[in-house]
Amino acid sequence: MATRSSSKTVTFARPFVLDGFPELLPAGDYVVDTEEEELDSMLFQGWRRVATTMRVRVGTEVEMRSVDPEALHEALMRDGAQDRPGLPPSQSSAKARFERARRFATYPARRKRT
């Protein structure tokens, strides 16, 4: 069975907590490695995630710690949600589209002048 690995760098602007980690992790850049194996399928090619690890600096050493991808995603969303909370949502967000549609629906229908 074939396997593949990929790495990406994630950046946290603030200290954060992840499930399964005993301490608060400092803000900064972290390398996340993902290992996947190919699915046995004759119909289509697919990959299944086998392991996700994050490189964490502890003192002078770098440890490879297993991390839940969903917990990592949630931590990144929490970190990014605090960037500029006072600004309105972007025009393309679902919330902004809903608000525009609601405002449009409240306008009275225009009648033709005779």
C-alpha atoms as a PDB file:
ATOM      1  CA  MET A   1       0.000   0.000   0.000  1.00  0.00           C
ATOM      2  CA  ALA A   2       1.399   3.394  -0.986  1.00  0.00           C
ATOM      3  CA  THR A   3       1.842   6.175   1.552  1.00  0.00           C
ATOM      4  CA  ARG A   4       2.489   9.882   1.219  1.00  0.00           C
ATOM      5  CA  SER A   5       3.528  12.608   3.612  1.00  0.00           C
ATOM      6  CA  SER A   6       2.946  16.344   3.537  1.00  0.00           C
ATOM      7  CA  SER A   7       4.049  19.218   5.749  1.00  0.00           C
ATOM      8  CA  LYS A   8       2.640  22.677   6.257  1.00  0.00           C
ATOM      9  CA  THR A   9       3.411  25.545   8.566  1.00  0.00           C
ATOM     10  CA  VAL A  10       0.653  27.010  10.717  1.00  0.00           C
ATOM     11  CA  THR A  11       0.982  30.293  12.577  1.00  0.00           C
ATOM     12  CA  PHE A  12      -0.621  31.178  15.876  1.00  0.00           C
ATOM     13  CA  ALA A  13      -0.762  34.874  16.778  1.00  0.00           C
ATOM     14  CA  ARG A  14      -1.481  34.139  20.451  1.00  0.00           C
ATOM     15  CA  PRO A  15      -0.636  31.409  22.972  1.00  0.00           C
ATOM     16  CA  PHE A  16      -3.021  28.469  22.594  1.00  0.00           C
ATOM     17  CA  VAL A  17      -4.146  25.190  24.130  1.00  0.00           C
ATOM     18  CA  LEU A  18      -4.709  21.870  22.363  1.00  0.00           C
ATOM     19  CA  ASP A  19      -6.390  18.763  23.731  1.00  0.00           C
ATOM     20  CA  GLY A  20      -3.817  16.254  24.912  1.00  0.00           C
ATOM     21  CA  PHE A  21      -1.091  18.867  25.468  1.00  0.00           C
ATOM     22  CA  PRO A  22      -0.210  19.414  29.120  1.00  0.00           C
ATOM     23  CA  GLU A  23       0.855  23.053  28.776  1.00  0.00           C
ATOM     24  CA  LEU A  24      -0.050  26.328  27.113  1.00  0.00           C
ATOM     25  CA  LEU A  25       1.869  26.571  23.844  1.00  0.00           C
ATOM     26  CA  PRO A  26       3.451  29.901  22.880  1.00  0.00           C
ATOM     27  CA  ALA A  27       2.451  31.878  19.799  1.00  0.00           C
ATOM     28  CA  GLY A  28       4.549  31.277  16.715  1.00  0.00           C
ATOM     29  CA  ASP A  29       5.041  29.038  13.688  1.00  0.00           C
ATOM     30  CA  TYR A  30       4.532  25.280  13.963  1.00  0.00           C
ATOM     31  CA  VAL A  31       5.171  22.578  11.358  1.00  0.00           C
ATOM     32  CA  VAL A  32       2.342  20.052  10.989  1.00  0.00           C
ATOM     33  CA  ASP A  33       3.125  16.741   9.265  1.00  0.00           C
ATOM     34  CA  THR A  34       0.369  14.549   7.838  1.00  0.00           C
ATOM     35  CA  GLU A  35       0.833  10.947   6.738  1.00  0.00           C
ATOM     36  CA  GLU A  36      -1.752   9.288   4.486  1.00  0.00           C
ATOM     37  CA  GLU A  37      -2.163   5.864   2.932  1.00  0.00           C
ATOM     38  CA  GLU A  38      -3.803   5.044  -0.367  1.00  0.00           C
ATOM     39  CA  LEU A  39      -7.234   3.419  -0.279  1.00  0.00           C
ATOM     40  CA  ASP A  40      -7.696   0.038  -1.938  1.00  0.00           C
ATOM     41  CA  SER A  41     -10.257   0.927  -4.555  1.00  0.00           C
ATOM     42  CA  MET A  42     -10.560   0.023  -8.207  1.00  0.00           C
ATOM     43  CA  LEU A  43     -13.116   2.777  -8.884  1.00  0.00           C
ATOM     44  CA  PHE A  44     -11.257   5.885  -7.743  1.00  0.00           C
ATOM     45  CA  GLN A  45      -8.049   6.994  -6.099  1.00  0.00           C
ATOM     46  CA  GLY A  46      -8.362   8.146  -2.512  1.00  0.00           C
ATOM     47  CA  TRP A  47      -6.230   8.714   0.544  1.00  0.00           C
ATOM     48  CA  ARG A  48      -6.918   8.137   4.249  1.00  0.00           C
ATOM     49  CA  ARG A  49      -5.173  10.114   6.980  1.00  0.00           C
ATOM     50  CA  VAL A  50      -3.131   7.825   9.183  1.00  0.00           C
ATOM     51  CA  ALA A  51      -1.296  10.272  11.456  1.00  0.00           C
ATOM     52  CA  THR A  52      -0.993  13.993  12.094  1.00  0.00           C
ATOM     53  CA  THR A  53       1.900  15.305  14.164  1.00  0.00           C
ATOM     54  CA  MET A  54       3.056  18.758  15.179  1.00  0.00           C
ATOM     55  CA  ARG A  55       6.629  19.798  15.897  1.00  0.00           C
ATOM     56  CA  VAL A  56       6.756  21.509  19.292  1.00  0.00           C
ATOM     57  CA  ARG A  57       9.827  23.145  20.788  1.00  0.00           C
ATOM     58  CA  VAL A  58      10.364  22.152  24.428  1.00  0.00           C
ATOM     59  CA  GLY A  59      13.360  23.956  25.852  1.00  0.00           C
ATOM     60  CA  THR A  60      16.167  23.295  23.392  1.00  0.00           C
ATOM     61  CA  GLU A  61      14.593  20.170  21.857  1.00  0.00           C
ATOM     62  CA  VAL A  62      11.905  19.701  19.219  1.00  0.00           C
ATOM     63  CA  GLU A  63       9.307  17.006  19.929  1.00  0.00           C
ATOM     64  CA  MET A  64       6.951  15.379  17.420  1.00  0.00           C
ATOM     65  CA  ARG A  65       3.570  15.236  19.151  1.00  0.00           C
ATOM     66  CA  SER A  66       0.479  13.540  17.835  1.00  0.00           C
ATOM     67  CA  VAL A  67      -2.383  15.990  17.345  1.00  0.00           C
ATOM     68  CA  ASP A  68      -6.054  15.664  16.453  1.00  0.00           C
ATOM     69  CA  PRO A  69      -6.574  17.515  13.139  1.00  0.00           C
ATOM     70  CA  GLU A  70     -10.033  18.733  14.219  1.00  0.00           C
ATOM     71  CA  ALA A  71      -8.678  20.139  17.505  1.00  0.00           C
ATOM     72  CA  LEU A  72      -5.875  21.874  15.584  1.00  0.00           C
ATOM     73  CA  HIS A  73      -8.387  23.392  13.157  1.00  0.00           C
ATOM     74  CA  GLU A  74     -10.570  24.642  16.038  1.00  0.00           C
ATOM     75  CA  ALA A  75      -7.547  26.204  17.760  1.00  0.00           C
ATOM     76  CA  LEU A  76      -6.589  27.988  14.524  1.00  0.00           C
ATOM     77  CA  MET A  77     -10.164  29.270  14.112  1.00  0.00           C
ATOM     78  CA  ARG A  78     -10.210  30.555  17.705  1.00  0.00           C
ATOM     79  CA  ASP A  79      -6.885  32.291  17.118  1.00  0.00           C
ATOM     80  CA  GLY A  80      -8.033  33.878  13.844  1.00  0.00           C
ATOM     81  CA  ALA A  81     -11.452  34.923  15.167  1.00  0.00           C
ATOM     82  CA  GLN A  82      -9.805  37.384  17.537  1.00  0.00           C
ATOM     83  CA  ASP A  83      -7.867  39.297  14.870  1.00  0.00           C
ATOM     84  CA  ARG A  84     -10.290  42.185  14.357  1.00  0.00           C
ATOM     85  CA  PRO A  85     -13.586  41.492  16.128  1.00  0.00           C
ATOM     86  CA  GLY A  86     -14.847  45.069  15.674  1.00  0.00           C
ATOM     87  CA  LEU A  87     -14.946  44.921  11.875  1.00  0.00           C
ATOM     88  CA  PRO A  88     -18.122  43.916  10.027  1.00  0.00           C
ATOM     89  CA  PRO A  89     -18.241  40.505   8.342  1.00  0.00           C
ATOM     90  CA  SER A  90     -16.927  40.348   4.796  1.00  0.00           C
ATOM     91  CA  GLN A  91     -19.416  40.756   1.972  1.00  0.00           C
ATOM     92  CA  SER A  92     -18.939  37.164   0.877  1.00  0.00           C
ATOM     93  CA  SER A  93     -19.603  35.527   4.254  1.00  0.00           C
ATOM     94  CA  ALA A  94     -22.818  33.601   4.769  1.00  0.00           C
ATOM     95  CA  LYS A  95     -23.816  35.894   7.612  1.00  0.00           C
ATOM     96  CA  ALA A  96     -23.373  39.003   5.451  1.00  0.00           C
ATOM     97  CA  ARG A  97     -25.421  37.478   2.608  1.00  0.00           C
ATOM     98  CA  PHE A  98     -28.188  36.573   5.049  1.00  0.00           C
ATOM     99  CA  GLU A  99     -28.247  40.100   6.488  1.00  0.00           C
ATOM    100  CA  ARG A 100     -28.444  41.665   3.005  1.00  0.00           C
ATOM    101  CA  ALA A 101     -31.265  39.332   1.992  1.00  0.00           C
ATOM    102  CA  ARG A 102     -33.163  40.102   5.188  1.00  0.00           C
ATOM    103  CA  ARG A 103     -32.826  43.855   4.642  1.00  0.00           C
ATOM    104  CA  PHE A 104     -33.975  43.476   1.043  1.00  0.00           C
ATOM    105  CA  ALA A 105     -37.022  41.442   2.081  1.00  0.00           C
ATOM    106  CA  THR A 106     -38.165  44.151   4.510  1.00  0.00           C
ATOM    107  CA  TYR A 107     -38.457  46.860   1.834  1.00  0.00           C
ATOM    108  CA  PRO A 108     -42.062  47.426   0.783  1.00  0.00           C
ATOM    109  CA  ALA A 109     -42.905  46.522  -2.767  1.00  0.00           C
ATOM    110  CA  ARG A 110     -42.890  49.464  -5.134  1.00  0.00           C
ATOM    111  CA  ARG A 111     -46.060  50.201  -7.019  1.00  0.00           C
ATOM    112  CA  LYS A 112     -46.222  51.585 -10.501  1.00  0.00           C
ATOM    113  CA  ARG A 113     -47.419  55.131 -10.711  1.00  0.00           C
ATOM    114  CA  THR A 114     -50.429  55.626 -12.945  1.00  0.00           C
END
